[in-house]
Amino acid sequence: MVLPVLKLGTLVLKTLSKPLGNRLKKQAALHPRFRQSIINFAQINHRMSTQMQRRIYGHATDVEIRPLDEEKAVQAAVDLIGEVFVFSVAGAIVIFEVQRSARSDARKEEVRRQEMEALRQRDESLSTELELLQQKLVELEQHARGRGLSGVLPLSCSLLWEVQALFRARAFDSAASSSGLRET
């Protein structure tokens, strides 16, 4: 439920950023103090971009660059402000999405780590239980030999180790497949 709401919210924010940028441009052009500062900014930007273009194209750079008239300077500056605003909103949305995705991945990895740890603990407890059963079986065989009943329990220790290895493999495979995990 949260993911679709977040996606819808980011889409609404992207959609609203352009009209907000346009409104910001209009207000910036009308405010007297701000208007003068953006005119100065636009003139500096015009000089720098013209000099850069002249260098790129191999033209002389020691010529005097005529300043923009006031209306063109205001228009250039407010266009730049609007684009910076829209770009900033889009950049903030991308950063938010990346951080949200990273948090989600971290939570999933933590769940996987906990499941693997639970499987390891289960394997250890099953191994301990199997060792106890082996010890009891050895004791029973010794007790049976002491009473002269050596043929009653014909299992050898090598066979017990094979059973233990098979038991461990099956226990881990069944636990891993039931939880959807595979050890890498």
N, C-alpha and C. Protein backbone atom coordinates (compact mmCIF):
# COMPACT_ATOMS: atom_id res chain seq x y z
N MET A 1 0.83 -1.20 0.00
CA MET A 1 0.00 0.00 0.00
C MET A 1 0.87 1.25 0.00
N VAL A 2 1.99 1.22 0.72
CA VAL A 2 2.83 2.39 0.84
C VAL A 2 3.52 2.71 -0.49
N LEU A 3 3.98 1.67 -1.20
CA LEU A 3 4.72 1.89 -2.44
C LEU A 3 3.89 2.62 -3.50
N PRO A 4 2.65 2.21 -3.79
CA PRO A 4 1.88 2.96 -4.78
C PRO A 4 1.61 4.41 -4.37
N VAL A 5 1.39 4.65 -3.09
CA VAL A 5 1.16 6.01 -2.61
C VAL A 5 2.41 6.86 -2.81
N LEU A 6 3.60 6.28 -2.51
CA LEU A 6 4.84 7.02 -2.72
C LEU A 6 5.07 7.31 -4.20
N LYS A 7 4.82 6.33 -5.05
CA LYS A 7 4.99 6.53 -6.49
C LYS A 7 4.03 7.62 -6.99
N LEU A 8 2.80 7.59 -6.52
CA LEU A 8 1.82 8.60 -6.92
C LEU A 8 2.25 9.97 -6.43
N GLY A 9 2.76 10.04 -5.20
CA GLY A 9 3.22 11.31 -4.65
C GLY A 9 4.38 11.90 -5.44
N THR A 10 5.33 11.06 -5.83
CA THR A 10 6.45 11.57 -6.62
C THR A 10 6.00 12.02 -8.00
N LEU A 11 5.05 11.30 -8.58
CA LEU A 11 4.52 11.71 -9.89
C LEU A 11 3.79 13.05 -9.79
N VAL A 12 3.00 13.24 -8.73
CA VAL A 12 2.31 14.51 -8.52
C VAL A 12 3.32 15.64 -8.32
N LEU A 13 4.36 15.36 -7.55
CA LEU A 13 5.38 16.37 -7.30
C LEU A 13 6.10 16.76 -8.59
N LYS A 14 6.42 15.77 -9.42
CA LYS A 14 7.05 16.07 -10.71
C LYS A 14 6.12 16.91 -11.59
N THR A 15 4.85 16.55 -11.59
CA THR A 15 3.88 17.25 -12.43
C THR A 15 3.68 18.69 -11.95
N LEU A 16 3.66 18.90 -10.65
CA LEU A 16 3.44 20.24 -10.11
C LEU A 16 4.68 21.12 -10.17
N SER A 17 5.85 20.52 -10.33
CA SER A 17 7.07 21.33 -10.29
C SER A 17 7.18 22.28 -11.48
N LYS A 18 6.67 21.90 -12.64
CA LYS A 18 6.75 22.81 -13.80
C LYS A 18 5.88 24.04 -13.61
N PRO A 19 4.59 23.91 -13.24
CA PRO A 19 3.81 25.13 -13.00
C PRO A 19 4.38 25.97 -11.86
N LEU A 20 4.90 25.30 -10.82
CA LEU A 20 5.51 26.05 -9.73
C LEU A 20 6.75 26.79 -10.22
N GLY A 21 7.52 26.15 -11.09
CA GLY A 21 8.68 26.80 -11.68
C GLY A 21 8.29 28.01 -12.50
N ASN A 22 7.21 27.88 -13.27
CA ASN A 22 6.73 29.02 -14.08
C ASN A 22 6.28 30.17 -13.19
N ARG A 23 5.58 29.84 -12.11
CA ARG A 23 5.13 30.89 -11.19
C ARG A 23 6.32 31.57 -10.52
N LEU A 24 7.32 30.78 -10.17
CA LEU A 24 8.54 31.33 -9.58
C LEU A 24 9.22 32.27 -10.56
N LYS A 25 9.23 31.90 -11.83
CA LYS A 25 9.84 32.76 -12.86
C LYS A 25 9.10 34.10 -12.95
N LYS A 26 7.78 34.05 -12.93
CA LYS A 26 7.00 35.29 -13.03
C LYS A 26 7.24 36.19 -11.82
N GLN A 27 7.23 35.60 -10.63
CA GLN A 27 7.45 36.38 -9.41
C GLN A 27 8.86 36.97 -9.38
N ALA A 28 9.83 36.19 -9.86
CA ALA A 28 11.21 36.67 -9.86
C ALA A 28 11.37 37.87 -10.79
N ALA A 29 10.67 37.86 -11.90
CA ALA A 29 10.78 38.97 -12.85
C ALA A 29 10.13 40.24 -12.32
N LEU A 30 9.16 40.12 -11.42
CA LEU A 30 8.42 41.29 -10.93
C LEU A 30 9.03 41.91 -9.67
N HIS A 31 9.72 41.16 -8.86
CA HIS A 31 10.27 41.66 -7.61
C HIS A 31 11.46 42.58 -7.91
N PRO A 32 11.44 43.88 -7.43
CA PRO A 32 12.46 44.85 -7.84
C PRO A 32 13.89 44.49 -7.43
N ARG A 33 14.12 44.13 -6.18
CA ARG A 33 15.49 43.82 -5.74
C ARG A 33 15.99 42.54 -6.40
N PHE A 34 15.13 41.56 -6.41
CA PHE A 34 15.50 40.28 -7.00
C PHE A 34 15.73 40.44 -8.50
N ARG A 35 14.94 41.31 -9.12
CA ARG A 35 15.07 41.55 -10.56
C ARG A 35 16.46 42.07 -10.89
N GLN A 36 16.96 43.01 -10.11
CA GLN A 36 18.29 43.57 -10.39
C GLN A 36 19.38 42.51 -10.19
N SER A 37 19.23 41.69 -9.16
CA SER A 37 20.26 40.66 -8.94
C SER A 37 20.24 39.60 -10.03
N ILE A 38 19.05 39.25 -10.54
CA ILE A 38 19.02 38.26 -11.61
C ILE A 38 19.50 38.86 -12.93
N ILE A 39 19.32 40.16 -13.11
CA ILE A 39 19.88 40.81 -14.31
C ILE A 39 21.40 40.73 -14.26
N ASN A 40 21.98 41.05 -13.11
CA ASN A 40 23.44 40.95 -12.95
C ASN A 40 23.91 39.51 -13.19
N PHE A 41 23.20 38.56 -12.63
CA PHE A 41 23.55 37.15 -12.81
C PHE A 41 23.47 36.76 -14.29
N ALA A 42 22.42 37.21 -14.97
CA ALA A 42 22.25 36.87 -16.38
C ALA A 42 23.36 37.49 -17.23
N GLN A 43 23.78 38.70 -16.90
CA GLN A 43 24.86 39.34 -17.66
C GLN A 43 26.18 38.58 -17.48
N ILE A 44 26.47 38.17 -16.25
CA ILE A 44 27.69 37.38 -15.98
C ILE A 44 27.62 36.05 -16.74
N ASN A 45 26.48 35.41 -16.67
CA ASN A 45 26.29 34.13 -17.37
C ASN A 45 26.45 34.31 -18.87
N HIS A 46 25.91 35.40 -19.42
CA HIS A 46 26.01 35.69 -20.85
C HIS A 46 27.48 35.88 -21.26
N ARG A 47 28.23 36.67 -20.48
CA ARG A 47 29.65 36.89 -20.79
C ARG A 47 30.44 35.59 -20.75
N MET A 48 30.22 34.79 -19.70
CA MET A 48 30.97 33.53 -19.56
C MET A 48 30.63 32.56 -20.69
N SER A 49 29.36 32.40 -20.99
CA SER A 49 28.98 31.45 -22.04
C SER A 49 29.45 31.92 -23.41
N THR A 50 29.42 33.22 -23.67
CA THR A 50 29.89 33.74 -24.95
C THR A 50 31.40 33.54 -25.08
N GLN A 51 32.15 33.82 -24.02
CA GLN A 51 33.60 33.59 -24.06
C GLN A 51 33.91 32.11 -24.25
N MET A 52 33.19 31.26 -23.59
CA MET A 52 33.42 29.82 -23.73
C MET A 52 33.13 29.37 -25.16
N GLN A 53 32.04 29.85 -25.73
CA GLN A 53 31.71 29.49 -27.11
C GLN A 53 32.78 30.00 -28.08
N ARG A 54 33.28 31.20 -27.85
CA ARG A 54 34.31 31.75 -28.73
C ARG A 54 35.59 30.92 -28.63
N ARG A 55 35.95 30.46 -27.44
CA ARG A 55 37.13 29.60 -27.28
C ARG A 55 36.93 28.26 -27.97
N ILE A 56 35.75 27.68 -27.80
CA ILE A 56 35.47 26.37 -28.41
C ILE A 56 35.55 26.45 -29.93
N TYR A 57 35.01 27.51 -30.50
CA TYR A 57 34.99 27.64 -31.96
C TYR A 57 36.27 28.27 -32.52
N GLY A 58 37.20 28.63 -31.66
CA GLY A 58 38.48 29.18 -32.11
C GLY A 58 38.42 30.63 -32.53
N HIS A 59 37.46 31.38 -32.08
CA HIS A 59 37.35 32.80 -32.41
C HIS A 59 38.17 33.61 -31.40
N ALA A 60 38.41 34.86 -31.72
CA ALA A 60 39.16 35.74 -30.82
C ALA A 60 38.36 35.96 -29.53
N THR A 61 39.07 35.94 -28.41
CA THR A 61 38.39 36.09 -27.11
C THR A 61 38.64 37.46 -26.49
N ASP A 62 39.44 38.29 -27.13
CA ASP A 62 39.74 39.60 -26.55
C ASP A 62 38.78 40.69 -27.02
N VAL A 63 37.69 40.31 -27.66
CA VAL A 63 36.70 41.28 -28.12
C VAL A 63 35.75 41.64 -26.98
N GLU A 64 35.15 42.81 -27.08
CA GLU A 64 34.20 43.23 -26.05
C GLU A 64 32.84 42.58 -26.33
N ILE A 65 32.28 41.98 -25.29
CA ILE A 65 30.99 41.30 -25.42
C ILE A 65 29.91 42.28 -25.00
N ARG A 66 28.97 42.52 -25.90
CA ARG A 66 27.89 43.46 -25.60
C ARG A 66 26.94 42.82 -24.58
N PRO A 67 26.52 43.59 -23.58
CA PRO A 67 25.58 43.04 -22.60
C PRO A 67 24.19 42.87 -23.21
N LEU A 68 23.44 41.97 -22.60
CA LEU A 68 22.04 41.76 -23.02
C LEU A 68 21.21 42.97 -22.60
N ASP A 69 20.15 43.26 -23.35
CA ASP A 69 19.26 44.30 -22.86
C ASP A 69 18.51 43.76 -21.64
N GLU A 70 17.88 44.64 -20.90
CA GLU A 70 17.31 44.28 -19.60
C GLU A 70 16.27 43.18 -19.69
N GLU A 71 15.37 43.25 -20.65
CA GLU A 71 14.31 42.25 -20.76
C GLU A 71 14.86 40.88 -21.14
N LYS A 72 15.82 40.85 -22.05
CA LYS A 72 16.43 39.56 -22.42
C LYS A 72 17.18 38.97 -21.23
N ALA A 73 17.85 39.82 -20.46
CA ALA A 73 18.58 39.34 -19.28
C ALA A 73 17.61 38.76 -18.25
N VAL A 74 16.51 39.46 -18.02
CA VAL A 74 15.50 38.96 -17.07
C VAL A 74 14.93 37.64 -17.57
N GLN A 75 14.60 37.58 -18.85
CA GLN A 75 14.03 36.35 -19.40
C GLN A 75 15.01 35.19 -19.30
N ALA A 76 16.28 35.44 -19.62
CA ALA A 76 17.29 34.38 -19.54
C ALA A 76 17.46 33.90 -18.09
N ALA A 77 17.49 34.84 -17.15
CA ALA A 77 17.68 34.48 -15.75
C ALA A 77 16.48 33.71 -15.20
N VAL A 78 15.27 34.16 -15.49
CA VAL A 78 14.11 33.46 -14.94
C VAL A 78 13.94 32.09 -15.60
N ASP A 79 14.31 31.97 -16.87
CA ASP A 79 14.28 30.65 -17.50
C ASP A 79 15.26 29.70 -16.79
N LEU A 80 16.44 30.22 -16.50
CA LEU A 80 17.43 29.41 -15.79
C LEU A 80 16.92 29.04 -14.39
N ILE A 81 16.31 29.98 -13.70
CA ILE A 81 15.77 29.70 -12.37
C ILE A 81 14.69 28.62 -12.44
N GLY A 82 13.80 28.74 -13.41
CA GLY A 82 12.75 27.73 -13.57
C GLY A 82 13.31 26.35 -13.85
N GLU A 83 14.30 26.28 -14.73
CA GLU A 83 14.91 24.99 -15.05
C GLU A 83 15.66 24.41 -13.85
N VAL A 84 16.36 25.26 -13.11
CA VAL A 84 17.06 24.79 -11.91
C VAL A 84 16.06 24.25 -10.89
N PHE A 85 14.93 24.93 -10.74
CA PHE A 85 13.90 24.46 -9.80
C PHE A 85 13.37 23.10 -10.21
N VAL A 86 12.99 22.94 -11.48
CA VAL A 86 12.45 21.66 -11.96
C VAL A 86 13.51 20.56 -11.82
N PHE A 87 14.75 20.87 -12.20
CA PHE A 87 15.83 19.90 -12.09
C PHE A 87 16.08 19.52 -10.63
N SER A 88 16.02 20.49 -9.73
CA SER A 88 16.22 20.20 -8.30
C SER A 88 15.14 19.28 -7.76
N VAL A 89 13.90 19.53 -8.14
CA VAL A 89 12.80 18.67 -7.69
C VAL A 89 13.00 17.25 -8.23
N ALA A 90 13.34 17.14 -9.51
CA ALA A 90 13.56 15.81 -10.10
C ALA A 90 14.74 15.11 -9.42
N GLY A 91 15.81 15.85 -9.16
CA GLY A 91 16.97 15.28 -8.48
C GLY A 91 16.64 14.82 -7.07
N ALA A 92 15.85 15.61 -6.35
CA ALA A 92 15.45 15.22 -5.00
C ALA A 92 14.60 13.96 -5.02
N ILE A 93 13.74 13.84 -6.02
CA ILE A 93 12.89 12.64 -6.14
C ILE A 93 13.76 11.42 -6.42
N VAL A 94 14.73 11.56 -7.31
CA VAL A 94 15.62 10.44 -7.61
C VAL A 94 16.40 10.02 -6.37
N ILE A 95 16.93 10.98 -5.64
CA ILE A 95 17.68 10.67 -4.41
C ILE A 95 16.77 9.97 -3.41
N PHE A 96 15.55 10.46 -3.25
CA PHE A 96 14.60 9.84 -2.33
C PHE A 96 14.32 8.39 -2.73
N GLU A 97 14.09 8.15 -4.02
CA GLU A 97 13.80 6.79 -4.50
C GLU A 97 14.99 5.86 -4.28
N VAL A 98 16.20 6.35 -4.53
CA VAL A 98 17.40 5.53 -4.33
C VAL A 98 17.55 5.17 -2.86
N GLN A 99 17.36 6.14 -1.98
CA GLN A 99 17.49 5.87 -0.54
C GLN A 99 16.41 4.91 -0.07
N ARG A 100 15.20 5.07 -0.56
CA ARG A 100 14.12 4.17 -0.17
C ARG A 100 14.41 2.75 -0.65
N SER A 101 14.90 2.63 -1.85
CA SER A 101 15.25 1.32 -2.39
C SER A 101 16.39 0.69 -1.59
N ALA A 102 17.37 1.48 -1.22
CA ALA A 102 18.50 0.96 -0.44
C ALA A 102 18.03 0.48 0.93
N ARG A 103 17.12 1.23 1.56
CA ARG A 103 16.59 0.79 2.86
C ARG A 103 15.82 -0.51 2.71
N SER A 104 15.04 -0.62 1.64
CA SER A 104 14.27 -1.84 1.40
C SER A 104 15.20 -3.03 1.18
N ASP A 105 16.25 -2.83 0.39
CA ASP A 105 17.22 -3.90 0.15
C ASP A 105 17.92 -4.31 1.44
N ALA A 106 18.25 -3.34 2.27
CA ALA A 106 18.92 -3.64 3.54
C ALA A 106 18.00 -4.46 4.45
N ARG A 107 16.71 -4.12 4.47
CA ARG A 107 15.77 -4.91 5.29
C ARG A 107 15.68 -6.33 4.77
N LYS A 108 15.60 -6.50 3.46
CA LYS A 108 15.51 -7.84 2.88
C LYS A 108 16.77 -8.65 3.19
N GLU A 109 17.92 -8.01 3.09
CA GLU A 109 19.18 -8.70 3.38
C GLU A 109 19.25 -9.11 4.85
N GLU A 110 18.76 -8.27 5.74
CA GLU A 110 18.75 -8.61 7.16
C GLU A 110 17.85 -9.81 7.42
N VAL A 111 16.69 -9.85 6.77
CA VAL A 111 15.79 -11.00 6.92
C VAL A 111 16.48 -12.27 6.42
N ARG A 112 17.14 -12.18 5.27
CA ARG A 112 17.86 -13.35 4.74
C ARG A 112 18.95 -13.80 5.70
N ARG A 113 19.69 -12.84 6.26
CA ARG A 113 20.76 -13.17 7.19
C ARG A 113 20.21 -13.87 8.42
N GLN A 114 19.09 -13.38 8.94
CA GLN A 114 18.48 -14.01 10.11
C GLN A 114 17.99 -15.41 9.79
N GLU A 115 17.42 -15.61 8.60
CA GLU A 115 16.96 -16.94 8.22
C GLU A 115 18.13 -17.91 8.08
N MET A 116 19.23 -17.44 7.50
CA MET A 116 20.42 -18.30 7.38
C MET A 116 20.98 -18.64 8.75
N GLU A 117 20.98 -17.69 9.66
CA GLU A 117 21.47 -17.95 11.01
C GLU A 117 20.58 -18.97 11.71
N ALA A 118 19.27 -18.85 11.52
CA ALA A 118 18.35 -19.83 12.12
C ALA A 118 18.61 -21.22 11.54
N LEU A 119 18.87 -21.29 10.25
CA LEU A 119 19.18 -22.59 9.64
C LEU A 119 20.49 -23.17 10.18
N ARG A 120 21.48 -22.32 10.37
CA ARG A 120 22.76 -22.80 10.93
C ARG A 120 22.56 -23.31 12.35
N GLN A 121 21.79 -22.58 13.14
CA GLN A 121 21.54 -23.03 14.52
C GLN A 121 20.78 -24.34 14.53
N ARG A 122 19.83 -24.49 13.62
CA ARG A 122 19.07 -25.74 13.53
C ARG A 122 20.00 -26.88 13.14
N ASP A 123 20.90 -26.62 12.20
CA ASP A 123 21.86 -27.63 11.78
C ASP A 123 22.76 -28.04 12.94
N GLU A 124 23.21 -27.06 13.71
CA GLU A 124 24.06 -27.36 14.87
C GLU A 124 23.31 -28.20 15.90
N SER A 125 22.06 -27.85 16.16
CA SER A 125 21.29 -28.62 17.15
C SER A 125 21.03 -30.04 16.65
N LEU A 126 20.76 -30.19 15.36
CA LEU A 126 20.56 -31.54 14.81
C LEU A 126 21.86 -32.34 14.85
N SER A 127 22.98 -31.68 14.60
CA SER A 127 24.27 -32.37 14.68
C SER A 127 24.55 -32.83 16.10
N THR A 128 24.27 -31.97 17.05
CA THR A 128 24.47 -32.34 18.46
C THR A 128 23.58 -33.52 18.83
N GLU A 129 22.34 -33.47 18.41
CA GLU A 129 21.41 -34.56 18.70
C GLU A 129 21.89 -35.86 18.05
N LEU A 130 22.38 -35.78 16.84
CA LEU A 130 22.88 -36.97 16.15
C LEU A 130 24.10 -37.54 16.86
N GLU A 131 24.99 -36.67 17.31
CA GLU A 131 26.17 -37.14 18.05
C GLU A 131 25.76 -37.85 19.34
N LEU A 132 24.77 -37.29 20.03
CA LEU A 132 24.29 -37.94 21.25
C LEU A 132 23.71 -39.32 20.94
N LEU A 133 22.96 -39.41 19.86
CA LEU A 133 22.40 -40.70 19.46
C LEU A 133 23.50 -41.69 19.10
N GLN A 134 24.56 -41.20 18.44
CA GLN A 134 25.68 -42.08 18.11
C GLN A 134 26.36 -42.59 19.37
N GLN A 135 26.55 -41.70 20.34
CA GLN A 135 27.18 -42.11 21.60
C GLN A 135 26.34 -43.16 22.30
N LYS A 136 25.03 -42.95 22.31
CA LYS A 136 24.14 -43.93 22.94
C LYS A 136 24.20 -45.26 22.21
N LEU A 137 24.30 -45.22 20.88
CA LEU A 137 24.38 -46.45 20.11
C LEU A 137 25.68 -47.19 20.39
N VAL A 138 26.78 -46.44 20.47
CA VAL A 138 28.07 -47.06 20.80
C VAL A 138 28.00 -47.69 22.19
N GLU A 139 27.40 -46.97 23.13
CA GLU A 139 27.26 -47.52 24.49
C GLU A 139 26.41 -48.78 24.48
N LEU A 140 25.33 -48.76 23.69
CA LEU A 140 24.48 -49.96 23.60
C LEU A 140 25.24 -51.13 22.99
N GLU A 141 26.06 -50.85 21.94
CA GLU A 141 26.85 -51.92 21.34
C GLU A 141 27.84 -52.48 22.35
N GLN A 142 28.51 -51.60 23.10
CA GLN A 142 29.47 -52.06 24.10
C GLN A 142 28.77 -52.87 25.19
N HIS A 143 27.64 -52.39 25.58
CA HIS A 143 26.87 -53.10 26.60
C HIS A 143 26.43 -54.47 26.08
N ALA A 144 26.01 -54.51 24.81
CA ALA A 144 25.58 -55.77 24.21
C ALA A 144 26.75 -56.73 24.08
N ARG A 145 27.94 -56.21 23.69
CA ARG A 145 29.12 -57.07 23.59
C ARG A 145 29.51 -57.61 24.96
N GLY A 146 29.35 -56.77 25.96
CA GLY A 146 29.67 -57.22 27.32
C GLY A 146 28.77 -58.35 27.78
N ARG A 147 27.58 -58.40 27.26
CA ARG A 147 26.64 -59.46 27.63
C ARG A 147 26.67 -60.61 26.63
N GLY A 148 27.52 -60.48 25.60
CA GLY A 148 27.61 -61.56 24.63
C GLY A 148 26.58 -61.46 23.54
N LEU A 149 26.05 -60.28 23.30
CA LEU A 149 25.03 -60.08 22.26
C LEU A 149 25.62 -59.27 21.10
N SER A 150 26.76 -59.67 20.58
CA SER A 150 27.46 -58.86 19.58
C SER A 150 26.73 -58.82 18.25
N GLY A 151 25.92 -59.74 17.91
CA GLY A 151 25.24 -59.74 16.61
C GLY A 151 23.92 -58.99 16.61
N VAL A 152 23.51 -58.46 17.75
CA VAL A 152 22.21 -57.81 17.83
C VAL A 152 22.22 -56.45 17.11
N LEU A 153 23.30 -55.67 17.27
CA LEU A 153 23.40 -54.34 16.66
C LEU A 153 24.56 -54.34 15.67
N PRO A 154 24.35 -54.73 14.41
CA PRO A 154 25.46 -54.89 13.46
C PRO A 154 25.92 -53.58 12.79
N LEU A 155 25.51 -52.42 13.24
CA LEU A 155 25.91 -51.16 12.62
C LEU A 155 27.35 -50.81 12.98
N SER A 156 28.13 -50.42 11.99
CA SER A 156 29.51 -50.02 12.26
C SER A 156 29.58 -48.50 12.35
N CYS A 157 30.70 -47.99 12.87
CA CYS A 157 30.88 -46.54 13.02
C CYS A 157 30.95 -45.84 11.67
N SER A 158 31.57 -46.46 10.65
CA SER A 158 31.66 -45.81 9.34
C SER A 158 30.26 -45.63 8.75
N LEU A 159 29.41 -46.61 8.97
CA LEU A 159 28.04 -46.49 8.49
C LEU A 159 27.31 -45.36 9.23
N LEU A 160 27.62 -45.20 10.51
CA LEU A 160 27.01 -44.11 11.28
C LEU A 160 27.43 -42.74 10.73
N TRP A 161 28.70 -42.61 10.34
CA TRP A 161 29.16 -41.34 9.79
C TRP A 161 28.49 -41.05 8.46
N GLU A 162 28.28 -42.05 7.64
CA GLU A 162 27.58 -41.87 6.37
C GLU A 162 26.13 -41.42 6.61
N VAL A 163 25.50 -42.04 7.58
CA VAL A 163 24.13 -41.66 7.93
C VAL A 163 24.09 -40.22 8.41
N GLN A 164 25.08 -39.85 9.23
CA GLN A 164 25.13 -38.47 9.74
C GLN A 164 25.29 -37.47 8.60
N ALA A 165 26.19 -37.72 7.66
CA ALA A 165 26.40 -36.80 6.53
C ALA A 165 25.14 -36.69 5.68
N LEU A 166 24.50 -37.82 5.43
CA LEU A 166 23.27 -37.82 4.65
C LEU A 166 22.17 -37.05 5.38
N PHE A 167 22.08 -37.25 6.68
CA PHE A 167 21.07 -36.57 7.50
C PHE A 167 21.27 -35.06 7.45
N ARG A 168 22.52 -34.61 7.60
CA ARG A 168 22.81 -33.18 7.56
C ARG A 168 22.45 -32.58 6.21
N ALA A 169 22.83 -33.26 5.14
CA ALA A 169 22.55 -32.74 3.79
C ALA A 169 21.05 -32.63 3.56
N ARG A 170 20.31 -33.64 3.94
CA ARG A 170 18.86 -33.60 3.73
C ARG A 170 18.19 -32.54 4.60
N ALA A 171 18.65 -32.40 5.83
CA ALA A 171 18.06 -31.41 6.74
C ALA A 171 18.29 -30.00 6.21
N PHE A 172 19.51 -29.73 5.72
CA PHE A 172 19.80 -28.39 5.20
C PHE A 172 19.04 -28.13 3.91
N ASP A 173 19.01 -29.12 2.99
CA ASP A 173 18.30 -28.94 1.73
C ASP A 173 16.81 -28.71 1.95
N SER A 174 16.21 -29.47 2.85
CA SER A 174 14.77 -29.30 3.08
C SER A 174 14.48 -27.96 3.74
N ALA A 175 15.34 -27.52 4.65
CA ALA A 175 15.13 -26.23 5.31
C ALA A 175 15.36 -25.09 4.32
N ALA A 176 16.37 -25.22 3.48
CA ALA A 176 16.65 -24.16 2.51
C ALA A 176 15.56 -24.06 1.46
N SER A 177 15.06 -25.20 1.00
CA SER A 177 14.01 -25.14 -0.03
C SER A 177 12.68 -24.66 0.54
N SER A 178 12.42 -24.97 1.81
CA SER A 178 11.15 -24.51 2.39
C SER A 178 11.16 -23.01 2.65
N SER A 179 12.34 -22.42 2.88
CA SER A 179 12.40 -20.98 3.11
C SER A 179 12.76 -20.22 1.85
N GLY A 180 13.04 -20.92 0.76
CA GLY A 180 13.37 -20.24 -0.50
C GLY A 180 14.81 -19.78 -0.56
N LEU A 181 15.66 -20.26 0.33
CA LEU A 181 17.05 -19.83 0.37
C LEU A 181 17.96 -20.92 -0.19
N ARG A 182 19.04 -20.49 -0.75
CA ARG A 182 20.11 -21.37 -1.17
C ARG A 182 21.40 -20.75 -0.69
N GLU A 183 22.25 -21.51 -0.08
CA GLU A 183 23.51 -20.97 0.41
C GLU A 183 24.44 -20.75 -0.76
N THR A 184 25.06 -19.55 -0.79
CA THR A 184 25.97 -19.22 -1.90
C THR A 184 27.39 -19.20 -1.42
